[in-house]
Amino acid sequence: MKQILFLFIGLTLFSCNQKKPKVINMSDITPHSERVTNGKEKGDTSTVIDYGFNLKIADEIGIQVMEIDSIGEPLFPDRFSPKKIKKLTLHLKENPITYCHWTFKDSIHTKNALYNWIDCYGPNCKSIKYAQKINFQKDNFILLESDTSLTYISSPSKLIADDWLKYFELQTEIKDWKLMIYQGTRAKATWYSVIEGKKEPLKPTK
């Protein structure tokens, strides 16, 4: 009886050694990430973040963005409870562009954010009247108002307003803007409404 028991144990141990499970490398069964970006080849696993800015359209109209970073610092319109906030630094070959977009609940909230902003603009809280031709800031900038959004674009380099209007027309199909404020290098701001992509100068209210 003891001989049978020893024989059974021996056979069991031999069977366990023969059926030792194969160790599987997880990289063999996990799909590899494959991304394609401008200037990168397939298989490059560098992290790509969708910042919500259309690089292809920008490139088509001559705005060649090399790199994008997000902006963490608070800006004045952040205070007015926007539904969405997009604040980016667009790195070009020359000077970078600050690109910010706020989406609000409705036109009332949008207008409230805009007029509070221009009533206390910049670090010195400069109060600016509607359609006033004044120097807002040192850098060039474009400020756009639609029914439910504000878009702010600023750079030490020259900004071409028609290029940016074209960008938004191609990206969002928006051709009409309630307001566009444009300020060039060492100049005073000019105020416009934009209808079907055409700028109409605005006059100060009496």
C-alpha atoms as a PDB file:
ATOM      1  CA  MET A   1       0.000   0.000   0.000  1.00  0.00           C
ATOM      2  CA  LYS A   2       2.870   2.381   0.863  1.00  0.00           C
ATOM      3  CA  GLN A   3       4.553   1.563  -2.486  1.00  0.00           C
ATOM      4  CA  ILE A   4       1.390   2.569  -4.375  1.00  0.00           C
ATOM      5  CA  LEU A   5       1.125   5.854  -2.404  1.00  0.00           C
ATOM      6  CA  PHE A   6       4.799   6.786  -3.122  1.00  0.00           C
ATOM      7  CA  LEU A   7       4.315   5.945  -6.790  1.00  0.00           C
ATOM      8  CA  PHE A   8       1.235   8.240  -7.003  1.00  0.00           C
ATOM      9  CA  ILE A   9       3.070  11.169  -5.348  1.00  0.00           C
ATOM     10  CA  GLY A  10       6.074  10.732  -7.680  1.00  0.00           C
ATOM     11  CA  LEU A  11       3.902  10.759 -10.792  1.00  0.00           C
ATOM     12  CA  THR A  12       2.058  13.866  -9.576  1.00  0.00           C
ATOM     13  CA  LEU A  13       5.294  15.840  -8.998  1.00  0.00           C
ATOM     14  CA  PHE A  14       6.665  14.781 -12.406  1.00  0.00           C
ATOM     15  CA  SER A  15       3.452  15.923 -14.104  1.00  0.00           C
ATOM     16  CA  CYS A  16       3.550  19.361 -12.381  1.00  0.00           C
ATOM     17  CA  ASN A  17       7.150  19.936 -13.513  1.00  0.00           C
ATOM     18  CA  GLN A  18       6.271  19.085 -17.115  1.00  0.00           C
ATOM     19  CA  LYS A  19       3.226  21.444 -17.214  1.00  0.00           C
ATOM     20  CA  LYS A  20       4.896  24.547 -15.784  1.00  0.00           C
ATOM     21  CA  PRO A  21       3.011  27.510 -17.338  1.00  0.00           C
ATOM     22  CA  LYS A  22       4.770  29.710 -19.887  1.00  0.00           C
ATOM     23  CA  VAL A  23       5.384  33.311 -18.749  1.00  0.00           C
ATOM     24  CA  ILE A  24       3.694  35.766 -21.168  1.00  0.00           C
ATOM     25  CA  ASN A  25       5.151  39.185 -21.881  1.00  0.00           C
ATOM     26  CA  MET A  26       2.291  41.717 -21.671  1.00  0.00           C
ATOM     27  CA  SER A  27       3.827  43.739 -24.493  1.00  0.00           C
ATOM     28  CA  ASP A  28       3.120  40.782 -26.790  1.00  0.00           C
ATOM     29  CA  ILE A  29      -0.649  40.972 -26.257  1.00  0.00           C
ATOM     30  CA  THR A  30      -1.193  44.690 -25.608  1.00  0.00           C
ATOM     31  CA  PRO A  31      -1.780  46.819 -28.745  1.00  0.00           C
ATOM     32  CA  HIS A  32       0.967  49.380 -29.361  1.00  0.00           C
ATOM     33  CA  SER A  33      -0.049  53.029 -29.566  1.00  0.00           C
ATOM     34  CA  GLU A  34       0.515  54.494 -33.023  1.00  0.00           C
ATOM     35  CA  ARG A  35       0.161  58.215 -33.613  1.00  0.00           C
ATOM     36  CA  VAL A  36       0.685  60.462 -36.614  1.00  0.00           C
ATOM     37  CA  THR A  37       1.463  64.166 -36.289  1.00  0.00           C
ATOM     38  CA  ASN A  38       3.018  66.826 -38.475  1.00  0.00           C
ATOM     39  CA  GLY A  39       6.714  66.056 -38.841  1.00  0.00           C
ATOM     40  CA  LYS A  40       6.390  62.671 -37.091  1.00  0.00           C
ATOM     41  CA  GLU A  41       6.407  59.233 -38.631  1.00  0.00           C
ATOM     42  CA  LYS A  42       4.135  56.307 -37.887  1.00  0.00           C
ATOM     43  CA  GLY A  43       5.149  54.392 -34.821  1.00  0.00           C
ATOM     44  CA  ASP A  44       6.328  57.489 -32.927  1.00  0.00           C
ATOM     45  CA  THR A  45       4.789  57.098 -29.483  1.00  0.00           C
ATOM     46  CA  SER A  46       5.330  60.688 -28.327  1.00  0.00           C
ATOM     47  CA  THR A  47       2.306  62.025 -26.450  1.00  0.00           C
ATOM     48  CA  VAL A  48      -0.069  63.986 -28.678  1.00  0.00           C
ATOM     49  CA  ILE A  49      -2.697  66.213 -27.044  1.00  0.00           C
ATOM     50  CA  ASP A  50      -5.717  67.530 -28.904  1.00  0.00           C
ATOM     51  CA  TYR A  51      -5.858  71.185 -27.888  1.00  0.00           C
ATOM     52  CA  GLY A  52      -8.849  71.933 -30.113  1.00  0.00           C
ATOM     53  CA  PHE A  53      -6.843  74.089 -32.515  1.00  0.00           C
ATOM     54  CA  ASN A  54      -6.873  73.087 -36.189  1.00  0.00           C
ATOM     55  CA  LEU A  55      -3.220  72.981 -37.278  1.00  0.00           C
ATOM     56  CA  LYS A  56      -4.104  71.969 -40.838  1.00  0.00           C
ATOM     57  CA  ILE A  57      -6.355  74.976 -41.457  1.00  0.00           C
ATOM     58  CA  ALA A  58      -3.884  77.313 -39.759  1.00  0.00           C
ATOM     59  CA  ASP A  59      -1.130  76.049 -42.031  1.00  0.00           C
ATOM     60  CA  GLU A  60      -3.316  76.529 -45.119  1.00  0.00           C
ATOM     61  CA  ILE A  61      -3.773  80.234 -44.372  1.00  0.00           C
ATOM     62  CA  GLY A  62      -0.107  80.794 -43.550  1.00  0.00           C
ATOM     63  CA  ILE A  63      -0.082  80.460 -39.744  1.00  0.00           C
ATOM     64  CA  GLN A  64       2.576  77.797 -39.242  1.00  0.00           C
ATOM     65  CA  VAL A  65       2.312  76.572 -35.656  1.00  0.00           C
ATOM     66  CA  MET A  66       5.296  74.480 -34.549  1.00  0.00           C
ATOM     67  CA  GLU A  67       4.108  73.572 -31.048  1.00  0.00           C
ATOM     68  CA  ILE A  68       1.186  74.211 -28.679  1.00  0.00           C
ATOM     69  CA  ASP A  69       1.177  74.666 -24.899  1.00  0.00           C
ATOM     70  CA  SER A  70      -1.767  75.244 -22.573  1.00  0.00           C
ATOM     71  CA  ILE A  71      -1.939  78.357 -20.376  1.00  0.00           C
ATOM     72  CA  GLY A  72      -2.709  77.832 -16.710  1.00  0.00           C
ATOM     73  CA  GLU A  73      -2.722  81.437 -15.510  1.00  0.00           C
ATOM     74  CA  PRO A  74      -6.189  82.932 -14.866  1.00  0.00           C
ATOM     75  CA  LEU A  75      -7.423  85.657 -17.222  1.00  0.00           C
ATOM     76  CA  PHE A  76     -10.182  88.209 -16.646  1.00  0.00           C
ATOM     77  CA  PRO A  77     -13.019  86.447 -18.565  1.00  0.00           C
ATOM     78  CA  ASP A  78     -12.436  83.299 -16.474  1.00  0.00           C
ATOM     79  CA  ARG A  79     -14.321  85.057 -13.666  1.00  0.00           C
ATOM     80  CA  PHE A  80     -17.663  85.034 -15.494  1.00  0.00           C
ATOM     81  CA  SER A  81     -18.454  81.310 -15.328  1.00  0.00           C
ATOM     82  CA  PRO A  82     -17.798  80.320 -18.944  1.00  0.00           C
ATOM     83  CA  LYS A  83     -19.026  76.874 -19.987  1.00  0.00           C
ATOM     84  CA  LYS A  84     -15.733  76.155 -21.725  1.00  0.00           C
ATOM     85  CA  ILE A  85     -12.265  77.711 -21.588  1.00  0.00           C
ATOM     86  CA  LYS A  86      -9.428  77.231 -24.066  1.00  0.00           C
ATOM     87  CA  LYS A  87      -6.151  79.078 -23.376  1.00  0.00           C
ATOM     88  CA  LEU A  88      -3.161  78.233 -25.537  1.00  0.00           C
ATOM     89  CA  THR A  89       0.280  79.427 -26.533  1.00  0.00           C
ATOM     90  CA  LEU A  90       0.911  78.815 -30.226  1.00  0.00           C
ATOM     91  CA  HIS A  91       4.645  78.617 -30.900  1.00  0.00           C
ATOM     92  CA  LEU A  92       5.678  79.862 -34.337  1.00  0.00           C
ATOM     93  CA  LYS A  93       9.129  80.334 -35.866  1.00  0.00           C
ATOM     94  CA  GLU A  94       8.965  83.951 -34.777  1.00  0.00           C
ATOM     95  CA  ASN A  95       7.117  85.229 -31.680  1.00  0.00           C
ATOM     96  CA  PRO A  96       4.434  83.075 -30.024  1.00  0.00           C
ATOM     97  CA  ILE A  97       0.709  83.806 -30.196  1.00  0.00           C
ATOM     98  CA  THR A  98      -1.609  83.784 -27.184  1.00  0.00           C
ATOM     99  CA  TYR A  99      -4.901  82.201 -28.246  1.00  0.00           C
ATOM    100  CA  CYS A 100      -7.838  82.160 -25.815  1.00  0.00           C
ATOM    101  CA  HIS A 101     -11.471  81.217 -26.319  1.00  0.00           C
ATOM    102  CA  TRP A 102     -14.342  81.372 -23.824  1.00  0.00           C
ATOM    103  CA  THR A 103     -17.812  79.901 -24.447  1.00  0.00           C
ATOM    104  CA  PHE A 104     -20.718  81.249 -22.383  1.00  0.00           C
ATOM    105  CA  LYS A 105     -24.290  80.196 -21.675  1.00  0.00           C
ATOM    106  CA  ASP A 106     -25.887  82.905 -23.829  1.00  0.00           C
ATOM    107  CA  SER A 107     -25.363  86.358 -25.364  1.00  0.00           C
ATOM    108  CA  ILE A 108     -26.136  88.139 -22.072  1.00  0.00           C
ATOM    109  CA  HIS A 109     -23.323  86.322 -20.249  1.00  0.00           C
ATOM    110  CA  THR A 110     -20.966  86.927 -23.179  1.00  0.00           C
ATOM    111  CA  LYS A 111     -21.677  90.662 -23.286  1.00  0.00           C
ATOM    112  CA  ASN A 112     -21.387  90.917 -19.496  1.00  0.00           C
ATOM    113  CA  ALA A 113     -17.914  89.336 -19.576  1.00  0.00           C
ATOM    114  CA  LEU A 114     -16.787  91.560 -22.460  1.00  0.00           C
ATOM    115  CA  TYR A 115     -17.910  94.903 -21.043  1.00  0.00           C
ATOM    116  CA  ASN A 116     -16.631  94.171 -17.569  1.00  0.00           C
ATOM    117  CA  TRP A 117     -13.296  93.255 -19.149  1.00  0.00           C
ATOM    118  CA  ILE A 118     -12.901  96.454 -21.179  1.00  0.00           C
ATOM    119  CA  ASP A 119     -14.093  98.494 -18.183  1.00  0.00           C
ATOM    120  CA  CYS A 120     -11.045  97.250 -16.274  1.00  0.00           C
ATOM    121  CA  TYR A 121      -8.562  96.241 -18.939  1.00  0.00           C
ATOM    122  CA  GLY A 122      -5.021  95.159 -18.221  1.00  0.00           C
ATOM    123  CA  PRO A 123      -2.909  95.327 -15.055  1.00  0.00           C
ATOM    124  CA  ASN A 124      -3.665  99.049 -14.631  1.00  0.00           C
ATOM    125  CA  CYS A 125      -7.453  98.498 -14.902  1.00  0.00           C
ATOM    126  CA  LYS A 126      -7.830 100.856 -17.847  1.00  0.00           C
ATOM    127  CA  SER A 127     -11.478 101.839 -18.453  1.00  0.00           C
ATOM    128  CA  ILE A 128     -12.294 101.781 -22.178  1.00  0.00           C
ATOM    129  CA  LYS A 129     -15.498 103.042 -23.791  1.00  0.00           C
ATOM    130  CA  TYR A 130     -17.328 101.335 -26.637  1.00  0.00           C
ATOM    131  CA  ALA A 131     -15.599 101.918 -30.019  1.00  0.00           C
ATOM    132  CA  GLN A 132     -12.991 104.172 -28.396  1.00  0.00           C
ATOM    133  CA  LYS A 133      -9.818 104.433 -30.457  1.00  0.00           C
ATOM    134  CA  ILE A 134      -7.237 103.797 -27.787  1.00  0.00           C
ATOM    135  CA  ASN A 135      -4.135 101.714 -27.229  1.00  0.00           C
ATOM    136  CA  PHE A 136      -5.261  98.720 -25.165  1.00  0.00           C
ATOM    137  CA  GLN A 137      -1.883  97.052 -24.662  1.00  0.00           C
ATOM    138  CA  LYS A 138       1.680  96.850 -25.924  1.00  0.00           C
ATOM    139  CA  ASP A 139       1.250  93.735 -28.108  1.00  0.00           C
ATOM    140  CA  ASN A 140      -0.881  93.391 -31.214  1.00  0.00           C
ATOM    141  CA  PHE A 141      -4.249  91.770 -30.573  1.00  0.00           C
ATOM    142  CA  ILE A 142      -7.616  90.747 -31.987  1.00  0.00           C
ATOM    143  CA  LEU A 143     -10.729  90.374 -29.830  1.00  0.00           C
ATOM    144  CA  LEU A 144     -13.814  88.717 -31.321  1.00  0.00           C
ATOM    145  CA  GLU A 145     -17.335  88.522 -29.912  1.00  0.00           C
ATOM    146  CA  SER A 146     -20.037  86.157 -31.150  1.00  0.00           C
ATOM    147  CA  ASP A 147     -23.397  85.415 -29.519  1.00  0.00           C
ATOM    148  CA  THR A 148     -21.907  82.959 -27.046  1.00  0.00           C
ATOM    149  CA  SER A 149     -18.135  83.352 -27.174  1.00  0.00           C
ATOM    150  CA  LEU A 150     -15.134  85.625 -26.820  1.00  0.00           C
ATOM    151  CA  THR A 151     -11.870  84.953 -28.640  1.00  0.00           C
ATOM    152  CA  TYR A 152      -8.644  86.777 -27.786  1.00  0.00           C
ATOM    153  CA  ILE A 153      -5.508  86.551 -29.956  1.00  0.00           C
ATOM    154  CA  SER A 154      -2.348  88.444 -28.999  1.00  0.00           C
ATOM    155  CA  SER A 155       1.288  88.517 -30.130  1.00  0.00           C
ATOM    156  CA  PRO A 156       4.347  90.804 -30.271  1.00  0.00           C
ATOM    157  CA  SER A 157       4.383  89.999 -34.004  1.00  0.00           C
ATOM    158  CA  LYS A 158       1.962  91.369 -36.580  1.00  0.00           C
ATOM    159  CA  LEU A 159      -1.476  89.743 -36.677  1.00  0.00           C
ATOM    160  CA  ILE A 160      -3.422  89.745 -39.926  1.00  0.00           C
ATOM    161  CA  ALA A 161      -7.114  90.029 -39.060  1.00  0.00           C
ATOM    162  CA  ASP A 162      -8.326  88.674 -42.412  1.00  0.00           C
ATOM    163  CA  ASP A 163      -6.234  85.516 -41.931  1.00  0.00           C
ATOM    164  CA  TRP A 164      -7.871  84.830 -38.588  1.00  0.00           C
ATOM    165  CA  LEU A 165     -11.358  85.567 -39.921  1.00  0.00           C
ATOM    166  CA  LYS A 166     -10.629  83.019 -42.645  1.00  0.00           C
ATOM    167  CA  TYR A 167      -9.450  80.495 -40.055  1.00  0.00           C
ATOM    168  CA  PHE A 168     -12.738  80.715 -38.156  1.00  0.00           C
ATOM    169  CA  GLU A 169     -14.765  80.618 -41.356  1.00  0.00           C
ATOM    170  CA  LEU A 170     -13.058  77.361 -42.363  1.00  0.00           C
ATOM    171  CA  GLN A 171     -13.019  75.896 -38.859  1.00  0.00           C
ATOM    172  CA  THR A 172     -16.481  76.859 -37.581  1.00  0.00           C
ATOM    173  CA  GLU A 173     -18.249  78.316 -40.653  1.00  0.00           C
ATOM    174  CA  ILE A 174     -18.694  81.587 -38.729  1.00  0.00           C
ATOM    175  CA  LYS A 175     -18.660  84.608 -41.053  1.00  0.00           C
ATOM    176  CA  ASP A 176     -20.491  87.101 -38.819  1.00  0.00           C
ATOM    177  CA  TRP A 177     -19.131  88.634 -35.630  1.00  0.00           C
ATOM    178  CA  LYS A 178     -20.938  91.088 -33.404  1.00  0.00           C
ATOM    179  CA  LEU A 179     -17.655  92.761 -32.643  1.00  0.00           C
ATOM    180  CA  MET A 180     -14.023  92.636 -33.650  1.00  0.00           C
ATOM    181  CA  ILE A 181     -11.427  94.862 -31.976  1.00  0.00           C
ATOM    182  CA  TYR A 182      -8.123  95.016 -33.820  1.00  0.00           C
ATOM    183  CA  GLN A 183      -4.932  96.729 -32.696  1.00  0.00           C
ATOM    184  CA  GLY A 184      -1.739  96.714 -34.733  1.00  0.00           C
ATOM    185  CA  THR A 185       1.824  97.599 -33.784  1.00  0.00           C
ATOM    186  CA  ARG A 186       2.106 100.955 -31.980  1.00  0.00           C
ATOM    187  CA  ALA A 187      -1.423 101.863 -33.092  1.00  0.00           C
ATOM    188  CA  LYS A 188      -4.811 102.568 -31.571  1.00  0.00           C
ATOM    189  CA  ALA A 189      -7.524  99.937 -31.672  1.00  0.00           C
ATOM    190  CA  THR A 190     -10.158  99.903 -34.400  1.00  0.00           C
ATOM    191  CA  TRP A 191     -13.616  98.454 -33.751  1.00  0.00           C
ATOM    192  CA  TYR A 192     -15.622  96.553 -36.359  1.00  0.00           C
ATOM    193  CA  SER A 193     -18.667  94.427 -36.887  1.00  0.00           C
ATOM    194  CA  VAL A 194     -18.090  91.585 -39.338  1.00  0.00           C
ATOM    195  CA  ILE A 195     -20.839  90.579 -41.775  1.00  0.00           C
ATOM    196  CA  GLU A 196     -20.249  87.771 -44.272  1.00  0.00           C
ATOM    197  CA  GLY A 197     -16.528  88.097 -43.585  1.00  0.00           C
ATOM    198  CA  LYS A 198     -16.449  91.825 -44.397  1.00  0.00           C
ATOM    199  CA  LYS A 199     -15.381  94.328 -41.733  1.00  0.00           C
ATOM    200  CA  GLU A 200     -17.582  97.366 -41.047  1.00  0.00           C
ATOM    201  CA  PRO A 201     -16.028 100.098 -38.821  1.00  0.00           C
ATOM    202  CA  LEU A 202     -18.008 101.028 -35.724  1.00  0.00           C
ATOM    203  CA  LYS A 203     -18.439 104.528 -34.378  1.00  0.00           C
ATOM    204  CA  PRO A 204     -18.443 105.541 -30.693  1.00  0.00           C
ATOM    205  CA  THR A 205     -21.864 105.945 -29.133  1.00  0.00           C
ATOM    206  CA  LYS A 206     -22.831 109.459 -27.993  1.00  0.00           C
END
